[in-house]
Amino acid sequence: QVQLVESGGGLVQDGGSLRLSCAASGRTSGEYAMGWFRQALGKEREFVEGISWSGSNTHYAASVKGRFTISGDNAKNTIYLQMNAMKPEDTAVYYCATVEVPTGSDFVPVATDYEFWGQGTQVTVSS
């Protein structure tokens, strides 16, 4: 069973930075793409940024362009989300997700394709 554990959330001031981590375990020897999502109170969950299994391809939401960066360390089965120039509207529970992709398919899946999810970590940006 695939398990994902997020860490690094917390309280930060407007304009500040945080780095989230997501450690994966229990995966088979296949290739897995991973992504970050967030859900603010009273709103639907939204895609933030994703990374292909090799790390060569990434895709991000327009709302985080130039501020958030996803990266991965396959040796550690961990991905990261570096969040800079944060805004109060970034306040949400952030979730890590992953899905196995066909061998050799080095792409970032669409939001609805992710299969396994973490429990989430709260990020709060104060104004």
N, C-alpha and C. Protein backbone atom coordinates (compact mmCIF):
# COMPACT_ATOMS: atom_id res chain seq x y z
N GLN A 1 0.83 -1.17 0.00
CA GLN A 1 0.00 0.00 0.00
C GLN A 1 0.89 1.26 0.00
N VAL A 2 0.63 2.13 -0.94
CA VAL A 2 1.41 3.36 -1.03
C VAL A 2 1.01 4.31 0.10
N GLN A 3 2.01 4.85 0.76
CA GLN A 3 1.75 5.84 1.81
C GLN A 3 2.54 7.11 1.52
N LEU A 4 1.91 8.23 1.77
CA LEU A 4 2.53 9.53 1.57
C LEU A 4 2.42 10.32 2.87
N VAL A 5 3.51 10.92 3.28
CA VAL A 5 3.52 11.70 4.51
C VAL A 5 4.08 13.08 4.22
N GLU A 6 3.23 14.09 4.42
CA GLU A 6 3.66 15.47 4.21
C GLU A 6 4.20 16.07 5.50
N SER A 7 5.10 17.02 5.34
CA SER A 7 5.62 17.75 6.49
C SER A 7 6.07 19.13 6.02
N GLY A 8 6.30 20.03 6.98
CA GLY A 8 6.82 21.34 6.66
C GLY A 8 5.81 22.46 6.70
N GLY A 9 4.55 22.13 6.94
CA GLY A 9 3.55 23.19 7.01
C GLY A 9 3.72 24.03 8.27
N GLY A 10 2.98 25.14 8.32
CA GLY A 10 3.05 26.00 9.48
C GLY A 10 2.51 27.38 9.18
N LEU A 11 2.86 28.31 10.05
CA LEU A 11 2.42 29.69 9.93
C LEU A 11 3.55 30.55 9.41
N VAL A 12 3.26 31.37 8.41
CA VAL A 12 4.27 32.25 7.82
C VAL A 12 3.61 33.59 7.51
N GLN A 13 4.39 34.64 7.52
CA GLN A 13 3.86 35.95 7.22
C GLN A 13 3.77 36.20 5.72
N ASP A 14 2.91 37.11 5.36
CA ASP A 14 2.77 37.54 3.97
C ASP A 14 4.15 37.87 3.39
N GLY A 15 4.47 37.26 2.25
CA GLY A 15 5.77 37.46 1.62
C GLY A 15 6.83 36.49 2.05
N GLY A 16 6.54 35.64 3.00
CA GLY A 16 7.50 34.68 3.52
C GLY A 16 7.60 33.42 2.69
N SER A 17 8.38 32.46 3.20
CA SER A 17 8.64 31.21 2.48
C SER A 17 8.45 30.01 3.39
N LEU A 18 8.11 28.90 2.77
CA LEU A 18 8.03 27.60 3.43
C LEU A 18 8.45 26.55 2.42
N ARG A 19 8.95 25.43 2.93
CA ARG A 19 9.21 24.28 2.06
C ARG A 19 8.49 23.07 2.62
N LEU A 20 7.63 22.49 1.79
CA LEU A 20 6.93 21.27 2.15
C LEU A 20 7.69 20.06 1.62
N SER A 21 7.59 18.97 2.35
CA SER A 21 8.17 17.71 1.92
C SER A 21 7.09 16.64 1.90
N CYS A 22 7.28 15.67 1.04
CA CYS A 22 6.36 14.53 0.96
C CYS A 22 7.19 13.28 0.74
N ALA A 23 7.17 12.39 1.71
CA ALA A 23 7.92 11.14 1.63
C ALA A 23 6.97 10.01 1.26
N ALA A 24 7.36 9.25 0.25
CA ALA A 24 6.55 8.14 -0.23
C ALA A 24 7.15 6.82 0.20
N SER A 25 6.28 5.85 0.51
CA SER A 25 6.73 4.51 0.84
C SER A 25 5.71 3.52 0.33
N GLY A 26 6.13 2.27 0.21
CA GLY A 26 5.22 1.22 -0.20
C GLY A 26 4.97 1.13 -1.69
N ARG A 27 5.69 1.91 -2.48
CA ARG A 27 5.47 1.86 -3.92
C ARG A 27 6.16 0.66 -4.54
N THR A 28 5.62 0.20 -5.65
CA THR A 28 6.26 -0.88 -6.38
C THR A 28 7.45 -0.31 -7.14
N SER A 29 8.10 -1.13 -7.94
CA SER A 29 9.27 -0.67 -8.69
C SER A 29 8.91 0.11 -9.93
N GLY A 30 7.65 0.43 -10.12
CA GLY A 30 7.21 1.18 -11.29
C GLY A 30 7.60 2.63 -11.22
N GLU A 31 7.08 3.39 -12.18
CA GLU A 31 7.38 4.81 -12.28
C GLU A 31 6.18 5.62 -11.81
N TYR A 32 6.43 6.59 -10.97
CA TYR A 32 5.36 7.34 -10.34
C TYR A 32 5.53 8.85 -10.56
N ALA A 33 4.48 9.47 -11.02
CA ALA A 33 4.44 10.92 -11.04
C ALA A 33 3.86 11.38 -9.70
N MET A 34 4.20 12.61 -9.32
CA MET A 34 3.71 13.11 -8.04
C MET A 34 3.26 14.56 -8.18
N GLY A 35 2.43 14.97 -7.25
CA GLY A 35 1.93 16.33 -7.34
C GLY A 35 1.52 16.88 -5.98
N TRP A 36 1.33 18.19 -5.97
CA TRP A 36 0.82 18.89 -4.79
C TRP A 36 -0.53 19.51 -5.11
N PHE A 37 -1.43 19.38 -4.17
CA PHE A 37 -2.75 19.98 -4.27
C PHE A 37 -2.99 20.78 -2.99
N ARG A 38 -4.01 21.62 -3.01
CA ARG A 38 -4.37 22.34 -1.79
C ARG A 38 -5.87 22.55 -1.75
N GLN A 39 -6.36 22.68 -0.53
CA GLN A 39 -7.78 22.92 -0.33
C GLN A 39 -7.95 23.95 0.77
N ALA A 40 -8.47 25.10 0.40
CA ALA A 40 -8.76 26.14 1.36
C ALA A 40 -10.13 25.89 1.98
N LEU A 41 -10.35 26.46 3.15
CA LEU A 41 -11.61 26.26 3.86
C LEU A 41 -12.78 26.70 3.00
N GLY A 42 -13.73 25.82 2.82
CA GLY A 42 -14.92 26.15 2.05
C GLY A 42 -14.76 26.10 0.55
N LYS A 43 -13.60 25.69 0.08
CA LYS A 43 -13.34 25.64 -1.36
C LYS A 43 -13.00 24.22 -1.80
N GLU A 44 -13.05 24.01 -3.10
CA GLU A 44 -12.69 22.71 -3.64
C GLU A 44 -11.16 22.55 -3.69
N ARG A 45 -10.74 21.30 -3.67
CA ARG A 45 -9.31 21.03 -3.79
C ARG A 45 -8.84 21.43 -5.18
N GLU A 46 -7.66 22.04 -5.24
CA GLU A 46 -7.13 22.47 -6.52
C GLU A 46 -5.69 21.99 -6.71
N PHE A 47 -5.35 21.76 -7.94
CA PHE A 47 -3.99 21.35 -8.32
C PHE A 47 -3.05 22.53 -8.15
N VAL A 48 -1.86 22.26 -7.58
CA VAL A 48 -0.86 23.31 -7.41
C VAL A 48 0.30 23.10 -8.38
N GLU A 49 0.93 21.94 -8.29
CA GLU A 49 2.08 21.68 -9.15
C GLU A 49 2.35 20.18 -9.18
N GLY A 50 2.82 19.70 -10.32
CA GLY A 50 3.11 18.28 -10.47
C GLY A 50 4.47 18.07 -11.11
N ILE A 51 5.01 16.86 -10.94
CA ILE A 51 6.32 16.53 -11.48
C ILE A 51 6.27 15.12 -12.03
N SER A 52 6.89 14.91 -13.18
CA SER A 52 6.92 13.59 -13.80
C SER A 52 7.86 12.67 -13.02
N TRP A 53 7.83 11.39 -13.33
CA TRP A 53 8.61 10.43 -12.54
C TRP A 53 10.09 10.70 -12.61
N SER A 54 10.56 11.20 -13.75
CA SER A 54 11.99 11.45 -13.89
C SER A 54 12.40 12.80 -13.31
N GLY A 55 11.42 13.66 -13.08
CA GLY A 55 11.73 15.01 -12.63
C GLY A 55 11.98 15.97 -13.77
N SER A 56 11.92 15.48 -15.00
CA SER A 56 12.24 16.33 -16.15
C SER A 56 11.12 17.28 -16.52
N ASN A 57 9.91 16.89 -16.19
CA ASN A 57 8.76 17.71 -16.57
C ASN A 57 7.97 18.13 -15.34
N THR A 58 7.57 19.38 -15.32
CA THR A 58 6.72 19.89 -14.25
C THR A 58 5.58 20.69 -14.86
N HIS A 59 4.53 20.84 -14.09
CA HIS A 59 3.39 21.64 -14.52
C HIS A 59 2.83 22.32 -13.29
N TYR A 60 2.49 23.59 -13.41
CA TYR A 60 2.04 24.33 -12.24
C TYR A 60 0.77 25.11 -12.56
N ALA A 61 0.06 25.45 -11.51
CA ALA A 61 -1.13 26.29 -11.65
C ALA A 61 -0.70 27.74 -11.87
N ALA A 62 -1.50 28.47 -12.59
CA ALA A 62 -1.17 29.87 -12.89
C ALA A 62 -1.03 30.70 -11.62
N SER A 63 -1.76 30.33 -10.60
CA SER A 63 -1.77 31.12 -9.36
C SER A 63 -0.45 31.05 -8.61
N VAL A 64 0.39 30.08 -8.91
CA VAL A 64 1.66 29.94 -8.19
C VAL A 64 2.86 30.16 -9.10
N LYS A 65 2.64 30.53 -10.32
CA LYS A 65 3.71 30.73 -11.28
C LYS A 65 4.74 31.73 -10.75
N GLY A 66 6.02 31.33 -10.83
CA GLY A 66 7.08 32.21 -10.40
C GLY A 66 7.28 32.27 -8.90
N ARG A 67 6.41 31.63 -8.13
CA ARG A 67 6.53 31.66 -6.67
C ARG A 67 6.80 30.29 -6.07
N PHE A 68 6.16 29.26 -6.60
CA PHE A 68 6.31 27.90 -6.08
C PHE A 68 7.13 27.06 -7.04
N THR A 69 7.94 26.17 -6.47
CA THR A 69 8.74 25.27 -7.29
C THR A 69 8.70 23.86 -6.72
N ILE A 70 8.36 22.90 -7.57
CA ILE A 70 8.34 21.51 -7.16
C ILE A 70 9.66 20.86 -7.56
N SER A 71 10.14 19.95 -6.74
CA SER A 71 11.35 19.20 -7.06
C SER A 71 11.25 17.83 -6.43
N GLY A 72 12.12 16.92 -6.88
CA GLY A 72 12.06 15.57 -6.35
C GLY A 72 13.42 14.97 -6.13
N ASP A 73 13.48 14.02 -5.23
CA ASP A 73 14.70 13.26 -4.94
C ASP A 73 14.30 11.79 -4.97
N ASN A 74 14.52 11.14 -6.13
CA ASN A 74 14.08 9.76 -6.28
C ASN A 74 14.80 8.81 -5.32
N ALA A 75 16.03 9.13 -4.99
CA ALA A 75 16.78 8.28 -4.06
C ALA A 75 16.12 8.25 -2.68
N LYS A 76 15.47 9.35 -2.33
CA LYS A 76 14.80 9.45 -1.04
C LYS A 76 13.30 9.26 -1.14
N ASN A 77 12.81 9.01 -2.37
CA ASN A 77 11.36 8.87 -2.57
C ASN A 77 10.61 10.07 -1.97
N THR A 78 11.15 11.23 -2.21
CA THR A 78 10.60 12.44 -1.61
C THR A 78 10.47 13.55 -2.64
N ILE A 79 9.39 14.29 -2.54
CA ILE A 79 9.27 15.50 -3.34
C ILE A 79 9.14 16.69 -2.40
N TYR A 80 9.39 17.86 -2.97
CA TYR A 80 9.36 19.07 -2.18
C TYR A 80 8.54 20.14 -2.91
N LEU A 81 8.03 21.07 -2.15
CA LEU A 81 7.37 22.23 -2.73
C LEU A 81 7.95 23.46 -2.04
N GLN A 82 8.79 24.18 -2.75
CA GLN A 82 9.36 25.43 -2.23
C GLN A 82 8.39 26.55 -2.54
N MET A 83 7.91 27.21 -1.51
CA MET A 83 6.92 28.27 -1.67
C MET A 83 7.53 29.58 -1.22
N ASN A 84 7.64 30.51 -2.16
CA ASN A 84 8.19 31.83 -1.89
C ASN A 84 7.15 32.91 -2.16
N ALA A 85 7.41 34.10 -1.65
CA ALA A 85 6.50 35.24 -1.87
C ALA A 85 5.07 34.84 -1.58
N MET A 86 4.88 34.21 -0.46
CA MET A 86 3.56 33.66 -0.14
C MET A 86 2.55 34.77 0.16
N LYS A 87 1.30 34.42 -0.11
CA LYS A 87 0.19 35.37 0.06
C LYS A 87 -0.87 34.75 0.97
N PRO A 88 -1.68 35.57 1.59
CA PRO A 88 -2.76 35.01 2.44
C PRO A 88 -3.65 34.04 1.69
N GLU A 89 -3.85 34.26 0.41
CA GLU A 89 -4.69 33.35 -0.37
C GLU A 89 -4.04 31.98 -0.61
N ASP A 90 -2.79 31.82 -0.21
CA ASP A 90 -2.15 30.51 -0.28
C ASP A 90 -2.51 29.64 0.93
N THR A 91 -3.19 30.23 1.89
CA THR A 91 -3.60 29.48 3.08
C THR A 91 -4.51 28.33 2.71
N ALA A 92 -4.13 27.13 3.13
CA ALA A 92 -4.88 25.92 2.77
C ALA A 92 -4.23 24.72 3.43
N VAL A 93 -4.91 23.60 3.34
CA VAL A 93 -4.29 22.31 3.64
C VAL A 93 -3.66 21.82 2.34
N TYR A 94 -2.40 21.50 2.40
CA TYR A 94 -1.66 21.05 1.22
C TYR A 94 -1.51 19.54 1.26
N TYR A 95 -1.85 18.92 0.13
CA TYR A 95 -1.80 17.47 0.01
C TYR A 95 -0.80 17.04 -1.06
N CYS A 96 -0.15 15.95 -0.79
CA CYS A 96 0.72 15.30 -1.75
C CYS A 96 -0.04 14.13 -2.36
N ALA A 97 0.19 13.87 -3.61
CA ALA A 97 -0.48 12.76 -4.29
C ALA A 97 0.46 12.12 -5.29
N THR A 98 0.16 10.86 -5.62
CA THR A 98 0.99 10.15 -6.58
C THR A 98 0.17 9.15 -7.37
N VAL A 99 0.68 8.79 -8.52
CA VAL A 99 0.03 7.78 -9.36
C VAL A 99 1.11 7.11 -10.20
N GLU A 100 0.96 5.80 -10.38
CA GLU A 100 1.90 5.08 -11.24
C GLU A 100 1.55 5.36 -12.69
N VAL A 101 2.56 5.61 -13.49
CA VAL A 101 2.34 5.91 -14.91
C VAL A 101 2.94 4.79 -15.75
N PRO A 102 2.49 4.64 -16.98
CA PRO A 102 3.05 3.60 -17.86
C PRO A 102 4.56 3.79 -18.02
N THR A 103 5.28 2.70 -18.08
CA THR A 103 6.73 2.76 -18.21
C THR A 103 7.14 3.62 -19.39
N GLY A 104 8.03 4.56 -19.14
CA GLY A 104 8.51 5.44 -20.19
C GLY A 104 7.64 6.65 -20.44
N SER A 105 6.53 6.78 -19.73
CA SER A 105 5.64 7.93 -19.93
C SER A 105 6.05 9.04 -18.98
N ASP A 106 6.87 9.91 -19.43
CA ASP A 106 7.44 10.95 -18.57
C ASP A 106 6.61 12.23 -18.66
N PHE A 107 5.41 12.18 -18.11
CA PHE A 107 4.53 13.32 -18.18
C PHE A 107 3.95 13.61 -16.80
N VAL A 108 3.32 14.77 -16.69
CA VAL A 108 2.63 15.13 -15.46
C VAL A 108 1.14 14.84 -15.66
N PRO A 109 0.57 13.93 -14.90
CA PRO A 109 -0.84 13.57 -15.09
C PRO A 109 -1.78 14.73 -14.78
N VAL A 110 -2.95 14.67 -15.37
CA VAL A 110 -3.97 15.66 -15.03
C VAL A 110 -4.44 15.43 -13.61
N ALA A 111 -5.07 16.41 -13.05
CA ALA A 111 -5.40 16.40 -11.62
C ALA A 111 -6.25 15.20 -11.22
N THR A 112 -7.12 14.76 -12.07
CA THR A 112 -8.06 13.70 -11.71
C THR A 112 -7.44 12.30 -11.75
N ASP A 113 -6.19 12.19 -12.21
CA ASP A 113 -5.59 10.87 -12.36
C ASP A 113 -4.87 10.37 -11.11
N TYR A 114 -4.64 11.23 -10.14
CA TYR A 114 -3.85 10.82 -8.99
C TYR A 114 -4.61 9.81 -8.13
N GLU A 115 -3.88 8.81 -7.66
CA GLU A 115 -4.54 7.68 -7.01
C GLU A 115 -4.32 7.63 -5.50
N PHE A 116 -3.13 7.97 -5.06
CA PHE A 116 -2.79 7.86 -3.64
C PHE A 116 -2.55 9.26 -3.06
N TRP A 117 -3.03 9.44 -1.84
CA TRP A 117 -3.00 10.77 -1.23
C TRP A 117 -2.44 10.73 0.19
N GLY A 118 -1.78 11.82 0.57
CA GLY A 118 -1.34 11.98 1.94
C GLY A 118 -2.45 12.57 2.79
N GLN A 119 -2.14 12.77 4.07
CA GLN A 119 -3.13 13.29 5.01
C GLN A 119 -3.23 14.81 4.98
N GLY A 120 -2.22 15.45 4.44
CA GLY A 120 -2.25 16.90 4.33
C GLY A 120 -1.49 17.60 5.45
N THR A 121 -1.04 18.81 5.14
CA THR A 121 -0.37 19.64 6.13
C THR A 121 -0.89 21.06 6.00
N GLN A 122 -1.19 21.67 7.13
CA GLN A 122 -1.79 23.00 7.12
C GLN A 122 -0.73 24.07 6.87
N VAL A 123 -1.05 24.98 5.96
CA VAL A 123 -0.21 26.14 5.69
C VAL A 123 -1.07 27.38 5.89
N THR A 124 -0.60 28.28 6.73
CA THR A 124 -1.34 29.51 7.00
C THR A 124 -0.44 30.71 6.76
N VAL A 125 -0.91 31.63 5.94
CA VAL A 125 -0.16 32.85 5.64
C VAL A 125 -0.90 34.03 6.25
N SER A 126 -0.26 34.69 7.18
CA SER A 126 -0.89 35.81 7.86
C SER A 126 -0.59 37.12 7.14
N SER A 127 -1.58 38.01 7.15
CA SER A 127 -1.42 39.30 6.47
C SER A 127 -0.86 40.35 7.40
